Protein backbone atom coordinates (compact mmCIF):
# COMPACT_ATOMS: atom_id res chain seq x y z
CA MET A 1 22.05 -1.14 -9.92
CA ALA A 2 19.22 0.88 -11.17
CA HIS A 3 15.81 -0.87 -11.58
CA ASP A 4 12.96 0.42 -13.89
CA TYR A 5 9.41 -0.22 -13.79
CA GLN A 6 6.47 0.61 -15.86
CA ALA A 7 2.90 1.28 -15.66
CA THR A 8 0.40 2.50 -18.16
CA ILE A 9 -2.69 4.74 -17.20
CA ARG A 10 -5.64 4.96 -19.80
CA TRP A 11 -8.45 7.74 -19.76
CA ALA A 12 -11.01 8.75 -22.52
CA ARG A 13 -13.14 11.35 -22.06
CA GLY A 14 -16.10 9.45 -23.69
CA GLU A 15 -19.32 11.29 -24.26
CA ALA A 16 -18.65 14.10 -21.40
CA ALA A 17 -18.31 17.62 -22.37
CA PHE A 18 -15.05 17.62 -20.11
CA THR A 19 -14.89 21.56 -19.79
CA ASP A 20 -17.83 21.72 -17.50
CA GLY A 21 -16.04 19.27 -15.18
CA ARG A 22 -18.43 16.43 -15.06
CA TYR A 23 -16.03 14.08 -16.65
CA SER A 24 -15.46 10.34 -15.32
CA ARG A 25 -11.99 10.20 -13.57
CA GLY A 26 -12.37 6.32 -14.10
CA HIS A 27 -9.52 5.10 -15.69
CA VAL A 28 -6.93 2.13 -16.22
CA TRP A 29 -3.75 1.01 -14.74
CA ALA A 30 -1.74 -1.52 -16.57
CA PHE A 31 1.16 -3.69 -15.37
CA ASP A 32 2.57 -6.70 -16.89
CA GLY A 33 -0.33 -7.72 -18.81
CA ILE A 34 -3.10 -7.11 -15.75
CA GLU A 35 -5.39 -4.04 -15.96
CA VAL A 36 -6.80 -2.57 -12.78
CA PRO A 37 -9.83 0.11 -12.43
CA GLY A 38 -8.57 2.98 -10.92
CA SER A 39 -10.61 6.28 -9.99
CA SER A 40 -9.91 9.28 -7.98
CA ALA A 41 -11.32 8.79 -4.49
CA PRO A 42 -14.92 9.39 -3.94
CA SER A 43 -13.73 11.65 -1.11
CA SER A 44 -12.32 13.87 -3.60
CA VAL A 45 -14.53 13.55 -6.43
CA ARG A 46 -18.53 12.51 -6.10
CA VAL A 47 -19.75 9.19 -7.48
CA PRO A 48 -20.68 9.05 -10.25
CA LEU A 49 -17.65 11.24 -11.49
CA SER A 50 -15.33 8.69 -9.50
CA ARG A 51 -15.94 5.16 -8.86
CA GLU A 52 -16.05 3.57 -5.36
CA ASP A 53 -15.11 0.13 -7.10
CA ALA A 54 -11.77 1.04 -8.06
CA VAL A 55 -8.18 2.14 -6.66
CA ASP A 56 -7.52 5.49 -6.14
CA PRO A 57 -3.91 6.80 -5.95
CA GLU A 58 -3.78 7.27 -2.09
CA GLU A 59 -4.87 3.75 -1.78
CA ALA A 60 -2.67 2.74 -4.03
CA LEU A 61 0.14 4.08 -2.25
CA VAL A 62 -0.77 3.26 1.50
CA ALA A 63 -1.04 -0.50 -0.09
CA SER A 64 2.35 -0.08 -1.98
CA ALA A 65 3.81 0.76 1.56
CA ALA A 66 2.20 -2.38 2.97
CA SER A 67 2.99 -4.61 0.51
CA CYS A 68 6.61 -3.65 0.41
CA HIS A 69 6.90 -4.09 4.16
CA MET A 70 5.47 -7.48 4.13
CA LEU A 71 7.51 -8.96 1.16
CA PHE A 72 10.78 -8.36 3.18
CA ALA A 73 8.81 -9.48 6.73
CA LEU A 74 8.04 -12.71 4.99
CA ASP A 75 11.60 -12.92 3.65
CA PHE A 76 13.39 -12.29 6.75
CA ALA A 77 11.13 -14.27 8.62
CA ARG A 78 12.02 -17.35 6.35
CA ARG A 79 15.77 -16.67 6.38
CA ALA A 80 15.39 -16.83 10.46
CA GLY A 81 13.70 -20.44 9.87
CA PHE A 82 10.29 -19.73 10.63
CA ARG A 83 7.16 -20.87 8.86
CA VAL A 84 4.32 -18.23 8.11
CA ASP A 85 1.11 -19.42 7.28
CA SER A 86 -0.50 -16.43 6.63
CA TYR A 87 -0.11 -12.63 6.65
CA GLU A 88 -2.72 -9.84 6.73
CA ASP A 89 -2.59 -5.86 7.45
CA ALA A 90 -5.17 -3.59 7.35
CA ALA A 91 -2.84 -0.91 6.41
CA THR A 92 -4.55 2.94 6.77
CA GLY A 93 -3.22 6.36 5.45
CA GLU A 94 -3.93 9.73 6.57
CA MET A 95 -4.05 12.95 4.95
CA THR A 96 -3.17 16.24 6.53
CA PRO A 97 -1.98 19.68 5.15
CA ASN A 98 1.81 20.21 4.81
CA GLU A 99 3.47 23.61 5.56
CA LYS A 100 1.93 24.81 2.60
CA GLY A 101 -1.27 23.79 2.99
CA LYS A 102 -1.23 21.07 0.49
CA LEU A 103 -2.77 17.85 1.56
CA PHE A 104 -0.25 14.85 1.27
CA VAL A 105 -0.35 11.49 2.89
CA SER A 106 1.23 12.11 6.20
CA ARG A 107 0.88 9.19 8.03
CA ILE A 108 0.57 4.95 7.02
CA SER A 109 -0.24 2.88 9.51
CA LEU A 110 0.50 -0.50 9.12
CA ASN A 111 -1.10 -3.55 11.36
CA PRO A 112 0.25 -6.71 10.24
CA VAL A 113 -0.81 -10.06 11.59
CA MET A 114 1.54 -13.29 10.84
CA VAL A 115 0.51 -16.66 12.16
CA PHE A 116 3.26 -18.79 12.54
CA SER A 117 3.53 -22.91 12.83
CA GLY A 118 6.42 -24.90 13.00
CA GLU A 119 9.13 -26.21 15.08
CA LYS A 120 11.21 -23.03 15.60
CA LEU A 121 8.35 -20.59 16.72
CA PRO A 122 9.09 -16.18 17.05
CA SER A 123 9.31 -14.75 20.68
CA GLY A 124 7.19 -11.08 20.27
CA GLU A 125 11.35 -9.83 20.14
CA ASP A 126 11.85 -11.93 17.25
CA VAL A 127 8.90 -10.40 15.44
CA ALA A 128 9.44 -6.99 16.09
CA ALA A 129 13.10 -7.28 14.95
CA LEU A 130 11.45 -9.26 11.66
CA HIS A 131 9.03 -5.82 11.37
CA HIS A 132 11.89 -3.53 12.09
CA ARG A 133 14.27 -4.76 9.43
CA ALA A 134 11.50 -4.64 6.70
CA HIS A 135 10.94 -1.34 7.32
CA GLU A 136 14.61 -0.44 7.25
CA GLU A 137 14.92 -2.64 3.89
CA CYS A 138 11.59 -1.45 2.27
CA TYR A 139 12.50 0.55 -1.11
CA VAL A 140 8.61 2.10 -0.82
CA ALA A 141 9.43 3.44 2.82
CA HIS A 142 12.42 4.76 1.69
CA SER A 143 10.46 6.48 -0.96
CA LEU A 144 8.27 8.21 0.92
CA ARG A 145 8.42 11.26 2.88
CA ALA A 146 4.82 9.89 5.52
CA ASP A 147 5.71 8.56 8.70
CA ILE A 148 5.07 4.78 8.26
CA ILE A 149 3.93 3.42 11.95
CA ILE A 150 4.13 -0.31 12.50
CA THR A 151 2.21 -2.36 15.03
CA PRO A 152 2.93 -6.27 14.29
CA ARG A 153 0.82 -8.60 16.49
CA PHE A 154 1.22 -12.24 15.68
CA THR A 155 -0.05 -15.75 16.68
CA LEU A 156 1.31 -19.42 16.81
CA ALA A 157 -0.57 -21.76 15.11
């Protein structure tokens, strides 16, 4: 079954000349009635032409992979009868040149930390299995060329 997803991206030149390259890379991402500030990464285009307080496409790619993984991990934990109190992932992405010398996101490191409580508590093997299955099912992971490295940790409340 096919699914469709929409995003609207809006940018306007404003008062900048544009042709001299000194225009703002700030823009807006709109999804389902909410707006998120977007920009090029300040490491690619220096501030003030980019915005440090906005999401850049590379960060969004990393967040998308981490979010997809989390949603599957939470569901699989629930199905296994484990109660999850919290989940946090300080995910990172690394860009390197590809075989043509073009930069791409070559590696995404997921570092999820789950906190469990309740009567049924998982073992380390259970948590590893949840994350393995989440990775196997994640739609975003299926869509990416990047290596995705998962280093899960957990605590019991």
